[in-house]
Amino acid sequence: VAEGRGIETYVHPACDLFAQYHLVKSRTVYGYDDVRLVEERTTW
């Protein structure tokens, strides 16, 4: 909404906005396998 009104926005890379999030199905076992709730694949 801000950008549509001509307001400039800046989102620092430490924010988790404007990224694609998707579910992953696996056969890993909780507590035994290295399962990360959030897997970071962005460049920073």
PDB file of all heavy atoms in Angstrom:
ATOM      1  N   VAL A   1       0.847  -1.197   0.000  1.00  0.00           N
ATOM      2  CA  VAL A   1       0.000   0.000   0.000  1.00  0.00           C
ATOM      3  C   VAL A   1       0.879   1.243   0.000  1.00  0.00           C
ATOM      4  O   VAL A   1       0.632   2.204  -0.744  1.00  0.00           O
ATOM      5  CB  VAL A   1      -0.944  -0.003   1.221  1.00  0.00           C
ATOM      6  CG1 VAL A   1      -1.674   1.338   1.346  1.00  0.00           C
ATOM      7  CG2 VAL A   1      -1.959  -1.136   1.125  1.00  0.00           C
ATOM      8  N   ALA A   2       1.934   1.225   0.817  1.00  0.00           N
ATOM      9  CA  ALA A   2       2.840   2.373   0.871  1.00  0.00           C
ATOM     10  C   ALA A   2       3.481   2.621  -0.493  1.00  0.00           C
ATOM     11  O   ALA A   2       3.485   3.759  -1.000  1.00  0.00           O
ATOM     12  CB  ALA A   2       3.916   2.128   1.928  1.00  0.00           C
ATOM     13  N   GLU A   3       4.012   1.564  -1.108  1.00  0.00           N
ATOM     14  CA  GLU A   3       4.674   1.733  -2.395  1.00  0.00           C
ATOM     15  C   GLU A   3       3.698   2.192  -3.472  1.00  0.00           C
ATOM     16  O   GLU A   3       4.052   2.985  -4.353  1.00  0.00           O
ATOM     17  CB  GLU A   3       5.349   0.421  -2.781  1.00  0.00           C
ATOM     18  CG  GLU A   3       6.535   0.085  -1.877  1.00  0.00           C
ATOM     19  CD  GLU A   3       7.135  -1.270  -2.162  1.00  0.00           C
ATOM     20  OE1 GLU A   3       6.556  -2.036  -2.966  1.00  0.00           O
ATOM     21  OE2 GLU A   3       8.192  -1.586  -1.577  1.00  0.00           O
ATOM     22  N   GLY A   4       2.461   1.701  -3.391  1.00  0.00           N
ATOM     23  CA  GLY A   4       1.448   2.133  -4.348  1.00  0.00           C
ATOM     24  C   GLY A   4       1.109   3.607  -4.228  1.00  0.00           C
ATOM     25  O   GLY A   4       0.616   4.217  -5.190  1.00  0.00           O
ATOM     26  N   ARG A   5       1.390   4.177  -3.076  1.00  0.00           N
ATOM     27  CA  ARG A   5       1.151   5.606  -2.858  1.00  0.00           C
ATOM     28  C   ARG A   5       2.408   6.439  -3.073  1.00  0.00           C
ATOM     29  O   ARG A   5       2.430   7.618  -2.733  1.00  0.00           O
ATOM     30  CB  ARG A   5       0.610   5.818  -1.445  1.00  0.00           C
ATOM     31  CG  ARG A   5      -0.794   5.262  -1.269  1.00  0.00           C
ATOM     32  CD  ARG A   5      -1.292   5.373   0.165  1.00  0.00           C
ATOM     33  NE  ARG A   5      -2.710   5.029   0.202  1.00  0.00           N
ATOM     34  CZ  ARG A   5      -3.672   5.832   0.631  1.00  0.00           C
ATOM     35  NH1 ARG A   5      -3.373   7.038   1.063  1.00  0.00           N
ATOM     36  NH2 ARG A   5      -4.927   5.450   0.617  1.00  0.00           N
ATOM     37  N   GLY A   6       3.449   5.808  -3.609  1.00  0.00           N
ATOM     38  CA  GLY A   6       4.670   6.535  -3.886  1.00  0.00           C
ATOM     39  C   GLY A   6       5.598   6.676  -2.696  1.00  0.00           C
ATOM     40  O   GLY A   6       6.564   7.448  -2.748  1.00  0.00           O
ATOM     41  N   ILE A   7       5.335   5.943  -1.617  1.00  0.00           N
ATOM     42  CA  ILE A   7       6.197   5.988  -0.438  1.00  0.00           C
ATOM     43  C   ILE A   7       7.329   4.985  -0.636  1.00  0.00           C
ATOM     44  O   ILE A   7       7.092   3.816  -0.928  1.00  0.00           O
ATOM     45  CB  ILE A   7       5.405   5.650   0.842  1.00  0.00           C
ATOM     46  CG1 ILE A   7       4.267   6.673   1.047  1.00  0.00           C
ATOM     47  CG2 ILE A   7       6.317   5.623   2.056  1.00  0.00           C
ATOM     48  CD1 ILE A   7       3.292   6.289   2.149  1.00  0.00           C
ATOM     49  N   GLU A   8       8.546   5.437  -0.490  1.00  0.00           N
ATOM     50  CA  GLU A   8       9.701   4.553  -0.628  1.00  0.00           C
ATOM     51  C   GLU A   8       9.792   3.636   0.585  1.00  0.00           C
ATOM     52  O   GLU A   8       9.559   4.061   1.724  1.00  0.00           O
ATOM     53  CB  GLU A   8      10.976   5.392  -0.741  1.00  0.00           C
ATOM     54  CG  GLU A   8      12.236   4.591  -0.974  1.00  0.00           C
ATOM     55  CD  GLU A   8      13.464   5.479  -1.079  1.00  0.00           C
ATOM     56  OE1 GLU A   8      13.313   6.722  -0.976  1.00  0.00           O
ATOM     57  OE2 GLU A   8      14.567   4.932  -1.257  1.00  0.00           O
ATOM     58  N   THR A   9      10.106   2.362   0.370  1.00  0.00           N
ATOM     59  CA  THR A   9      10.268   1.427   1.475  1.00  0.00           C
ATOM     60  C   THR A   9      11.641   0.770   1.389  1.00  0.00           C
ATOM     61  O   THR A   9      12.184   0.553   0.304  1.00  0.00           O
ATOM     62  CB  THR A   9       9.188   0.324   1.470  1.00  0.00           C
ATOM     63  OG1 THR A   9       9.340  -0.492   0.311  1.00  0.00           O
ATOM     64  CG2 THR A   9       7.798   0.924   1.514  1.00  0.00           C
ATOM     65  N   TYR A  10      12.192   0.472   2.575  1.00  0.00           N
ATOM     66  CA  TYR A  10      13.454  -0.256   2.657  1.00  0.00           C
ATOM     67  C   TYR A  10      13.284  -1.360   3.690  1.00  0.00           C
ATOM     68  O   TYR A  10      12.882  -1.098   4.832  1.00  0.00           O
ATOM     69  CB  TYR A  10      14.602   0.656   3.071  1.00  0.00           C
ATOM     70  CG  TYR A  10      15.867  -0.120   3.364  1.00  0.00           C
ATOM     71  CD1 TYR A  10      16.625  -0.661   2.323  1.00  0.00           C
ATOM     72  CD2 TYR A  10      16.279  -0.350   4.671  1.00  0.00           C
ATOM     73  CE1 TYR A  10      17.764  -1.399   2.584  1.00  0.00           C
ATOM     74  CE2 TYR A  10      17.419  -1.085   4.944  1.00  0.00           C
ATOM     75  CZ  TYR A  10      18.157  -1.609   3.895  1.00  0.00           C
ATOM     76  OH  TYR A  10      19.282  -2.348   4.159  1.00  0.00           O
ATOM     77  N   VAL A  11      13.575  -2.595   3.287  1.00  0.00           N
ATOM     78  CA  VAL A  11      13.492  -3.754   4.175  1.00  0.00           C
ATOM     79  C   VAL A  11      14.889  -4.346   4.294  1.00  0.00           C
ATOM     80  O   VAL A  11      15.441  -4.867   3.323  1.00  0.00           O
ATOM     81  CB  VAL A  11      12.497  -4.807   3.637  1.00  0.00           C
ATOM     82  CG1 VAL A  11      12.475  -6.031   4.540  1.00  0.00           C
ATOM     83  CG2 VAL A  11      11.096  -4.196   3.538  1.00  0.00           C
ATOM     84  N   HIS A  12      15.476  -4.257   5.478  1.00  0.00           N
ATOM     85  CA  HIS A  12      16.827  -4.748   5.714  1.00  0.00           C
ATOM     86  C   HIS A  12      16.872  -6.269   5.530  1.00  0.00           C
ATOM     87  O   HIS A  12      15.885  -6.963   5.813  1.00  0.00           O
ATOM     88  CB  HIS A  12      17.238  -4.375   7.147  1.00  0.00           C
ATOM     89  CG  HIS A  12      18.643  -4.688   7.483  1.00  0.00           C
ATOM     90  ND1 HIS A  12      19.021  -5.890   8.020  1.00  0.00           N
ATOM     91  CD2 HIS A  12      19.778  -3.951   7.370  1.00  0.00           C
ATOM     92  CE1 HIS A  12      20.327  -5.880   8.231  1.00  0.00           C
ATOM     93  NE2 HIS A  12      20.812  -4.726   7.841  1.00  0.00           N
ATOM     94  N   PRO A  13      17.992  -6.813   5.056  1.00  0.00           N
ATOM     95  CA  PRO A  13      18.069  -8.265   4.834  1.00  0.00           C
ATOM     96  C   PRO A  13      17.836  -9.111   6.077  1.00  0.00           C
ATOM     97  O   PRO A  13      17.552 -10.310   5.960  1.00  0.00           O
ATOM     98  CB  PRO A  13      19.497  -8.459   4.303  1.00  0.00           C
ATOM     99  CG  PRO A  13      19.843  -7.157   3.670  1.00  0.00           C
ATOM    100  CD  PRO A  13      19.174  -6.116   4.514  1.00  0.00           C
ATOM    101  N   ALA A  14      17.952  -8.540   7.279  1.00  0.00           N
ATOM    102  CA  ALA A  14      17.670  -9.315   8.493  1.00  0.00           C
ATOM    103  C   ALA A  14      16.184  -9.622   8.649  1.00  0.00           C
ATOM    104  O   ALA A  14      15.809 -10.446   9.481  1.00  0.00           O
ATOM    105  CB  ALA A  14      18.175  -8.564   9.733  1.00  0.00           C
ATOM    106  N   CYS A  15      15.347  -8.965   7.874  1.00  0.00           N
ATOM    107  CA  CYS A  15      13.906  -9.237   7.923  1.00  0.00           C
ATOM    108  C   CYS A  15      13.594 -10.490   7.102  1.00  0.00           C
ATOM    109  O   CYS A  15      14.310 -10.836   6.168  1.00  0.00           O
ATOM    110  CB  CYS A  15      13.117  -8.051   7.381  1.00  0.00           C
ATOM    111  SG  CYS A  15      13.386  -6.493   8.259  1.00  0.00           S
ATOM    112  N   ASP A  16      12.500 -11.153   7.430  1.00  0.00           N
ATOM    113  CA  ASP A  16      12.113 -12.357   6.680  1.00  0.00           C
ATOM    114  C   ASP A  16      10.917 -12.087   5.764  1.00  0.00           C
ATOM    115  O   ASP A  16      10.078 -12.953   5.562  1.00  0.00           O
ATOM    116  CB  ASP A  16      11.836 -13.529   7.622  1.00  0.00           C
ATOM    117  CG  ASP A  16      10.711 -13.248   8.616  1.00  0.00           C
ATOM    118  OD1 ASP A  16      10.097 -12.171   8.534  1.00  0.00           O
ATOM    119  OD2 ASP A  16      10.448 -14.111   9.470  1.00  0.00           O
ATOM    120  N   LEU A  17      10.888 -10.900   5.196  1.00  0.00           N
ATOM    121  CA  LEU A  17       9.796 -10.506   4.318  1.00  0.00           C
ATOM    122  C   LEU A  17      10.169 -10.709   2.852  1.00  0.00           C
ATOM    123  O   LEU A  17      11.349 -10.819   2.505  1.00  0.00           O
ATOM    124  CB  LEU A  17       9.444  -9.034   4.548  1.00  0.00           C
ATOM    125  CG  LEU A  17       9.061  -8.656   5.973  1.00  0.00           C
ATOM    126  CD1 LEU A  17       8.877  -7.152   6.079  1.00  0.00           C
ATOM    127  CD2 LEU A  17       7.801  -9.371   6.407  1.00  0.00           C
ATOM    128  N   PHE A  18       9.152 -10.745   1.998  1.00  0.00           N
ATOM    129  CA  PHE A  18       9.316 -10.812   0.553  1.00  0.00           C
ATOM    130  C   PHE A  18      10.204 -11.994   0.131  1.00  0.00           C
ATOM    131  O   PHE A  18      11.160 -11.841  -0.625  1.00  0.00           O
ATOM    132  CB  PHE A  18       9.861  -9.488   0.007  1.00  0.00           C
ATOM    133  CG  PHE A  18       8.967  -8.320   0.300  1.00  0.00           C
ATOM    134  CD1 PHE A  18       9.362  -7.320   1.178  1.00  0.00           C
ATOM    135  CD2 PHE A  18       7.714  -8.236  -0.278  1.00  0.00           C
ATOM    136  CE1 PHE A  18       8.530  -6.246   1.464  1.00  0.00           C
ATOM    137  CE2 PHE A  18       6.875  -7.162  -0.002  1.00  0.00           C
ATOM    138  CZ  PHE A  18       7.275  -6.172   0.866  1.00  0.00           C
ATOM    139  N   ALA A  19       9.877 -13.158   0.653  1.00  0.00           N
ATOM    140  CA  ALA A  19      10.564 -14.394   0.284  1.00  0.00           C
ATOM    141  C   ALA A  19       9.514 -15.476   0.095  1.00  0.00           C
ATOM    142  O   ALA A  19       8.416 -15.415   0.662  1.00  0.00           O
ATOM    143  CB  ALA A  19      11.568 -14.811   1.360  1.00  0.00           C
ATOM    144  N   GLN A  20       9.854 -16.477  -0.720  1.00  0.00           N
ATOM    145  CA  GLN A  20       8.945 -17.604  -0.905  1.00  0.00           C
ATOM    146  C   GLN A  20       9.179 -18.619   0.205  1.00  0.00           C
ATOM    147  O   GLN A  20      10.305 -19.053   0.444  1.00  0.00           O
ATOM    148  CB  GLN A  20       9.186 -18.282  -2.259  1.00  0.00           C
ATOM    149  CG  GLN A  20       8.288 -19.492  -2.459  1.00  0.00           C
ATOM    150  CD  GLN A  20       8.534 -20.231  -3.751  1.00  0.00           C
ATOM    151  OE1 GLN A  20       7.624 -20.809  -4.303  1.00  0.00           O
ATOM    152  NE2 GLN A  20       9.773 -20.231  -4.222  1.00  0.00           N
ATOM    153  N   TYR A  21       8.102 -19.011   0.876  1.00  0.00           N
ATOM    154  CA  TYR A  21       8.160 -20.054   1.898  1.00  0.00           C
ATOM    155  C   TYR A  21       7.364 -21.251   1.389  1.00  0.00           C
ATOM    156  O   TYR A  21       6.274 -21.091   0.855  1.00  0.00           O
ATOM    157  CB  TYR A  21       7.568 -19.553   3.221  1.00  0.00           C
ATOM    158  CG  TYR A  21       8.443 -18.534   3.909  1.00  0.00           C
ATOM    159  CD1 TYR A  21       8.411 -17.191   3.550  1.00  0.00           C
ATOM    160  CD2 TYR A  21       9.325 -18.925   4.910  1.00  0.00           C
ATOM    161  CE1 TYR A  21       9.223 -16.262   4.173  1.00  0.00           C
ATOM    162  CE2 TYR A  21      10.138 -17.995   5.550  1.00  0.00           C
ATOM    163  CZ  TYR A  21      10.084 -16.670   5.179  1.00  0.00           C
ATOM    164  OH  TYR A  21      10.891 -15.742   5.795  1.00  0.00           O
ATOM    165  N   HIS A  22       7.920 -22.430   1.574  1.00  0.00           N
ATOM    166  CA  HIS A  22       7.213 -23.614   1.093  1.00  0.00           C
ATOM    167  C   HIS A  22       7.469 -24.791   2.035  1.00  0.00           C
ATOM    168  O   HIS A  22       8.501 -24.869   2.704  1.00  0.00           O
ATOM    169  CB  HIS A  22       7.648 -23.971  -0.337  1.00  0.00           C
ATOM    170  CG  HIS A  22       9.137 -24.069  -0.521  1.00  0.00           C
ATOM    171  ND1 HIS A  22       9.823 -25.246  -0.435  1.00  0.00           N
ATOM    172  CD2 HIS A  22      10.053 -23.103  -0.802  1.00  0.00           C
ATOM    173  CE1 HIS A  22      11.109 -25.030  -0.647  1.00  0.00           C
ATOM    174  NE2 HIS A  22      11.274 -23.727  -0.864  1.00  0.00           N
ATOM    175  N   LEU A  23       6.532 -25.728   2.075  1.00  0.00           N
ATOM    176  CA  LEU A  23       6.636 -26.899   2.940  1.00  0.00           C
ATOM    177  C   LEU A  23       7.518 -27.959   2.280  1.00  0.00           C
ATOM    178  O   LEU A  23       7.579 -28.066   1.054  1.00  0.00           O
ATOM    179  CB  LEU A  23       5.251 -27.481   3.204  1.00  0.00           C
ATOM    180  CG  LEU A  23       4.272 -26.596   3.978  1.00  0.00           C
ATOM    181  CD1 LEU A  23       2.914 -27.262   4.040  1.00  0.00           C
ATOM    182  CD2 LEU A  23       4.796 -26.305   5.371  1.00  0.00           C
ATOM    183  N   VAL A  24       8.185 -28.751   3.115  1.00  0.00           N
ATOM    184  CA  VAL A  24       9.000 -29.862   2.633  1.00  0.00           C
ATOM    185  C   VAL A  24       8.547 -31.141   3.334  1.00  0.00           C
ATOM    186  O   VAL A  24       8.468 -31.190   4.561  1.00  0.00           O
ATOM    187  CB  VAL A  24      10.499 -29.616   2.919  1.00  0.00           C
ATOM    188  CG1 VAL A  24      11.320 -30.833   2.509  1.00  0.00           C
ATOM    189  CG2 VAL A  24      10.992 -28.374   2.198  1.00  0.00           C
ATOM    190  N   LYS A  25       8.218 -32.167   2.562  1.00  0.00           N
ATOM    191  CA  LYS A  25       7.854 -33.462   3.113  1.00  0.00           C
ATOM    192  C   LYS A  25       9.088 -34.353   3.140  1.00  0.00           C
ATOM    193  O   LYS A  25       9.836 -34.440   2.159  1.00  0.00           O
ATOM    194  CB  LYS A  25       6.756 -34.099   2.257  1.00  0.00           C
ATOM    195  CG  LYS A  25       6.277 -35.450   2.769  1.00  0.00           C
ATOM    196  CD  LYS A  25       5.174 -35.999   1.861  1.00  0.00           C
ATOM    197  CE  LYS A  25       4.695 -37.367   2.362  1.00  0.00           C
ATOM    198  NZ  LYS A  25       3.630 -37.903   1.474  1.00  0.00           N
ATOM    199  N   SER A  26       9.335 -35.039   4.257  1.00  0.00           N
ATOM    200  CA  SER A  26      10.510 -35.897   4.355  1.00  0.00           C
ATOM    201  C   SER A  26      10.216 -37.101   5.241  1.00  0.00           C
ATOM    202  O   SER A  26       9.155 -37.181   5.872  1.00  0.00           O
ATOM    203  CB  SER A  26      11.700 -35.116   4.932  1.00  0.00           C
ATOM    204  OG  SER A  26      11.514 -34.886   6.322  1.00  0.00           O
ATOM    205  N   ARG A  27      11.173 -38.025   5.314  1.00  0.00           N
ATOM    206  CA  ARG A  27      11.077 -39.201   6.178  1.00  0.00           C
ATOM    207  C   ARG A  27      12.030 -39.087   7.367  1.00  0.00           C
ATOM    208  O   ARG A  27      12.404 -40.104   7.962  1.00  0.00           O
ATOM    209  CB  ARG A  27      11.405 -40.469   5.376  1.00  0.00           C
ATOM    210  CG  ARG A  27      10.485 -40.719   4.186  1.00  0.00           C
ATOM    211  CD  ARG A  27       9.062 -40.983   4.603  1.00  0.00           C
ATOM    212  NE  ARG A  27       8.211 -41.271   3.438  1.00  0.00           N
ATOM    213  CZ  ARG A  27       6.896 -41.430   3.503  1.00  0.00           C
ATOM    214  NH1 ARG A  27       6.269 -41.311   4.667  1.00  0.00           N
ATOM    215  NH2 ARG A  27       6.205 -41.688   2.412  1.00  0.00           N
ATOM    216  N   THR A  28      12.392 -37.885   7.722  1.00  0.00           N
ATOM    217  CA  THR A  28      13.292 -37.698   8.852  1.00  0.00           C
ATOM    218  C   THR A  28      12.579 -38.020  10.166  1.00  0.00           C
ATOM    219  O   THR A  28      11.348 -38.014  10.246  1.00  0.00           O
ATOM    220  CB  THR A  28      13.804 -36.254   8.888  1.00  0.00           C
ATOM    221  OG1 THR A  28      12.672 -35.354   8.881  1.00  0.00           O
ATOM    222  CG2 THR A  28      14.669 -35.952   7.689  1.00  0.00           C
ATOM    223  N   VAL A  29      13.371 -38.282  11.194  1.00  0.00           N
ATOM    224  CA  VAL A  29      12.848 -38.646  12.513  1.00  0.00           C
ATOM    225  C   VAL A  29      13.216 -37.553  13.506  1.00  0.00           C
ATOM    226  O   VAL A  29      14.400 -37.223  13.672  1.00  0.00           O
ATOM    227  CB  VAL A  29      13.408 -40.001  12.982  1.00  0.00           C
ATOM    228  CG1 VAL A  29      12.886 -40.340  14.386  1.00  0.00           C
ATOM    229  CG2 VAL A  29      13.022 -41.100  12.000  1.00  0.00           C
ATOM    230  N   TYR A  30      12.215 -37.026  14.161  1.00  0.00           N
ATOM    231  CA  TYR A  30      12.429 -35.944  15.129  1.00  0.00           C
ATOM    232  C   TYR A  30      13.385 -36.401  16.238  1.00  0.00           C
ATOM    233  O   TYR A  30      13.272 -37.492  16.781  1.00  0.00           O
ATOM    234  CB  TYR A  30      11.091 -35.521  15.732  1.00  0.00           C
ATOM    235  CG  TYR A  30      11.235 -34.463  16.810  1.00  0.00           C
ATOM    236  CD1 TYR A  30      11.332 -33.122  16.479  1.00  0.00           C
ATOM    237  CD2 TYR A  30      11.299 -34.828  18.157  1.00  0.00           C
ATOM    238  CE1 TYR A  30      11.475 -32.159  17.447  1.00  0.00           C
ATOM    239  CE2 TYR A  30      11.449 -33.862  19.143  1.00  0.00           C
ATOM    240  CZ  TYR A  30      11.537 -32.534  18.783  1.00  0.00           C
ATOM    241  OH  TYR A  30      11.692 -31.579  19.752  1.00  0.00           O
ATOM    242  N   GLY A  31      14.322 -35.536  16.568  1.00  0.00           N
ATOM    243  CA  GLY A  31      15.258 -35.814  17.646  1.00  0.00           C
ATOM    244  C   GLY A  31      16.484 -36.592  17.207  1.00  0.00           C
ATOM    245  O   GLY A  31      17.523 -36.535  17.864  1.00  0.00           O
ATOM    246  N   TYR A  32      16.380 -37.342  16.116  1.00  0.00           N
ATOM    247  CA  TYR A  32      17.488 -38.157  15.626  1.00  0.00           C
ATOM    248  C   TYR A  32      18.138 -37.540  14.387  1.00  0.00           C
ATOM    249  O   TYR A  32      19.352 -37.570  14.236  1.00  0.00           O
ATOM    250  CB  TYR A  32      17.002 -39.576  15.307  1.00  0.00           C
ATOM    251  CG  TYR A  32      16.665 -40.359  16.556  1.00  0.00           C
ATOM    252  CD1 TYR A  32      15.406 -40.246  17.145  1.00  0.00           C
ATOM    253  CD2 TYR A  32      17.602 -41.194  17.156  1.00  0.00           C
ATOM    254  CE1 TYR A  32      15.085 -40.946  18.294  1.00  0.00           C
ATOM    255  CE2 TYR A  32      17.292 -41.901  18.316  1.00  0.00           C
ATOM    256  CZ  TYR A  32      16.031 -41.770  18.883  1.00  0.00           C
ATOM    257  OH  TYR A  32      15.715 -42.460  20.021  1.00  0.00           O
ATOM    258  N   ASP A  33      17.331 -37.008  13.518  1.00  0.00           N
ATOM    259  CA  ASP A  33      17.851 -36.404  12.299  1.00  0.00           C
ATOM    260  C   ASP A  33      17.959 -34.888  12.463  1.00  0.00           C
ATOM    261  O   ASP A  33      17.263 -34.286  13.286  1.00  0.00           O
ATOM    262  CB  ASP A  33      16.947 -36.739  11.109  1.00  0.00           C
ATOM    263  CG  ASP A  33      16.925 -38.230  10.820  1.00  0.00           C
ATOM    264  OD1 ASP A  33      18.000 -38.862  10.881  1.00  0.00           O
ATOM    265  OD2 ASP A  33      15.829 -38.757  10.551  1.00  0.00           O
ATOM    266  N   ASP A  34      18.835 -34.313  11.664  1.00  0.00           N
ATOM    267  CA  ASP A  34      19.044 -32.863  11.703  1.00  0.00           C
ATOM    268  C   ASP A  34      17.935 -32.190  10.898  1.00  0.00           C
ATOM    269  O   ASP A  34      18.046 -31.991   9.692  1.00  0.00           O
ATOM    270  CB  ASP A  34      20.413 -32.517  11.122  1.00  0.00           C
ATOM    271  CG  ASP A  34      20.731 -31.027  11.231  1.00  0.00           C
ATOM    272  OD1 ASP A  34      19.992 -30.324  11.955  1.00  0.00           O
ATOM    273  OD2 ASP A  34      21.695 -30.582  10.596  1.00  0.00           O
ATOM    274  N   VAL A  35      16.863 -31.845  11.597  1.00  0.00           N
ATOM    275  CA  VAL A  35      15.700 -31.237  10.955  1.00  0.00           C
ATOM    276  C   VAL A  35      15.611 -29.778  11.387  1.00  0.00           C
ATOM    277  O   VAL A  35      15.491 -29.491  12.574  1.00  0.00           O
ATOM    278  CB  VAL A  35      14.396 -31.972  11.326  1.00  0.00           C
ATOM    279  CG1 VAL A  35      13.209 -31.324  10.635  1.00  0.00           C
ATOM    280  CG2 VAL A  35      14.498 -33.445  10.974  1.00  0.00           C
ATOM    281  N   ARG A  36      15.654 -28.887  10.436  1.00  0.00           N
ATOM    282  CA  ARG A  36      15.571 -27.467  10.739  1.00  0.00           C
ATOM    283  C   ARG A  36      14.175 -26.966  10.409  1.00  0.00           C
ATOM    284  O   ARG A  36      13.688 -27.185   9.302  1.00  0.00           O
ATOM    285  CB  ARG A  36      16.619 -26.695   9.944  1.00  0.00           C
ATOM    286  CG  ARG A  36      18.030 -27.206  10.230  1.00  0.00           C
ATOM    287  CD  ARG A  36      19.076 -26.268   9.746  1.00  0.00           C
ATOM    288  NE  ARG A  36      20.404 -26.768  10.063  1.00  0.00           N
ATOM    289  CZ  ARG A  36      21.504 -26.033   9.980  1.00  0.00           C
ATOM    290  NH1 ARG A  36      21.414 -24.786   9.591  1.00  0.00           N
ATOM    291  NH2 ARG A  36      22.675 -26.548  10.282  1.00  0.00           N
ATOM    292  N   LEU A  37      13.578 -26.289  11.371  1.00  0.00           N
ATOM    293  CA  LEU A  37      12.224 -25.787  11.145  1.00  0.00           C
ATOM    294  C   LEU A  37      12.200 -24.737  10.051  1.00  0.00           C
ATOM    295  O   LEU A  37      11.228 -24.630   9.306  1.00  0.00           O
ATOM    296  CB  LEU A  37      11.659 -25.218  12.442  1.00  0.00           C
ATOM    297  CG  LEU A  37      11.465 -26.225  13.580  1.00  0.00           C
ATOM    298  CD1 LEU A  37      10.884 -25.529  14.796  1.00  0.00           C
ATOM    299  CD2 LEU A  37      10.576 -27.380  13.143  1.00  0.00           C
ATOM    300  N   VAL A  38      13.258 -23.942   9.967  1.00  0.00           N
ATOM    301  CA  VAL A  38      13.390 -22.963   8.896  1.00  0.00           C
ATOM    302  C   VAL A  38      14.742 -23.184   8.240  1.00  0.00           C
ATOM    303  O   VAL A  38      15.783 -23.078   8.891  1.00  0.00           O
ATOM    304  CB  VAL A  38      13.286 -21.517   9.410  1.00  0.00           C
ATOM    305  CG1 VAL A  38      13.490 -20.528   8.272  1.00  0.00           C
ATOM    306  CG2 VAL A  38      11.937 -21.283  10.079  1.00  0.00           C
ATOM    307  N   GLU A  39      14.759 -23.498   6.977  1.00  0.00           N
ATOM    308  CA  GLU A  39      15.993 -23.704   6.224  1.00  0.00           C
ATOM    309  C   GLU A  39      16.268 -22.467   5.400  1.00  0.00           C
ATOM    310  O   GLU A  39      15.491 -22.119   4.513  1.00  0.00           O
ATOM    311  CB  GLU A  39      15.863 -24.931   5.325  1.00  0.00           C
ATOM    312  CG  GLU A  39      17.130 -25.245   4.548  1.00  0.00           C
ATOM    313  CD  GLU A  39      16.982 -26.493   3.697  1.00  0.00           C
ATOM    314  OE1 GLU A  39      16.116 -27.334   4.022  1.00  0.00           O
ATOM    315  OE2 GLU A  39      17.729 -26.597   2.706  1.00  0.00           O
ATOM    316  N   GLU A  40      17.369 -21.802   5.716  1.00  0.00           N
ATOM    317  CA  GLU A  40      17.692 -20.534   5.069  1.00  0.00           C
ATOM    318  C   GLU A  40      18.418 -20.779   3.750  1.00  0.00           C
ATOM    319  O   GLU A  40      19.509 -21.351   3.712  1.00  0.00           O
ATOM    320  CB  GLU A  40      18.577 -19.694   5.997  1.00  0.00           C
ATOM    321  CG  GLU A  40      18.988 -18.355   5.435  1.00  0.00           C
ATOM    322  CD  GLU A  40      17.822 -17.433   5.212  1.00  0.00           C
ATOM    323  OE1 GLU A  40      17.160 -17.051   6.190  1.00  0.00           O
ATOM    324  OE2 GLU A  40      17.564 -17.103   4.036  1.00  0.00           O
ATOM    325  N   ARG A  41      17.807 -20.360   2.643  1.00  0.00           N
ATOM    326  CA  ARG A  41      18.420 -20.519   1.329  1.00  0.00           C
ATOM    327  C   ARG A  41      18.607 -19.189   0.608  1.00  0.00           C
ATOM    328  O   ARG A  41      18.921 -19.170  -0.577  1.00  0.00           O
ATOM    329  CB  ARG A  41      17.571 -21.450   0.459  1.00  0.00           C
ATOM    330  CG  ARG A  41      17.556 -22.895   0.939  1.00  0.00           C
ATOM    331  CD  ARG A  41      16.884 -23.783  -0.085  1.00  0.00           C
ATOM    332  NE  ARG A  41      16.815 -25.159   0.370  1.00  0.00           N
ATOM    333  CZ  ARG A  41      16.289 -26.162  -0.354  1.00  0.00           C
ATOM    334  NH1 ARG A  41      15.790 -25.905  -1.560  1.00  0.00           N
ATOM    335  NH2 ARG A  41      16.255 -27.388   0.129  1.00  0.00           N
ATOM    336  N   THR A  42      18.376 -18.098   1.295  1.00  0.00           N
ATOM    337  CA  THR A  42      18.643 -16.807   0.668  1.00  0.00           C
ATOM    338  C   THR A  42      20.134 -16.532   0.724  1.00  0.00           C
ATOM    339  O   THR A  42      20.889 -17.208   1.423  1.00  0.00           O
ATOM    340  CB  THR A  42      17.855 -15.687   1.367  1.00  0.00           C
ATOM    341  OG1 THR A  42      18.183 -15.677   2.764  1.00  0.00           O
ATOM    342  CG2 THR A  42      16.364 -15.914   1.227  1.00  0.00           C
ATOM    343  N   THR A  43      20.579 -15.511  -0.002  1.00  0.00           N
ATOM    344  CA  THR A  43      22.013 -15.275  -0.150  1.00  0.00           C
ATOM    345  C   THR A  43      22.637 -14.660   1.087  1.00  0.00           C
ATOM    346  O   THR A  43      23.857 -14.634   1.215  1.00  0.00           O
ATOM    347  CB  THR A  43      22.275 -14.347  -1.343  1.00  0.00           C
ATOM    348  OG1 THR A  43      21.539 -13.128  -1.154  1.00  0.00           O
ATOM    349  CG2 THR A  43      21.834 -15.010  -2.634  1.00  0.00           C
ATOM    350  N   TRP A  44      21.823 -14.156   2.012  1.00  0.00           N
ATOM    351  CA  TRP A  44      22.377 -13.527   3.212  1.00  0.00           C
ATOM    352  C   TRP A  44      21.570 -13.971   4.409  1.00  0.00           C
ATOM    353  O   TRP A  44      20.355 -14.046   4.373  1.00  0.00           O
ATOM    354  CB  TRP A  44      22.317 -12.004   3.084  1.00  0.00           C
ATOM    355  CG  TRP A  44      22.943 -11.305   4.259  1.00  0.00           C
ATOM    356  CD1 TRP A  44      24.260 -11.012   4.443  1.00  0.00           C
ATOM    357  CD2 TRP A  44      22.270 -10.818   5.433  1.00  0.00           C
ATOM    358  NE1 TRP A  44      24.452 -10.390   5.639  1.00  0.00           N
ATOM    359  CE2 TRP A  44      23.250 -10.254   6.270  1.00  0.00           C
ATOM    360  CE3 TRP A  44      20.951 -10.828   5.853  1.00  0.00           C
ATOM    361  CZ2 TRP A  44      22.950  -9.685   7.496  1.00  0.00           C
ATOM    362  CZ3 TRP A  44      20.639 -10.265   7.073  1.00  0.00           C
ATOM    363  CH2 TRP A  44      21.640  -9.694   7.877  1.00  0.00           C
TER     364      TRP A  44
END
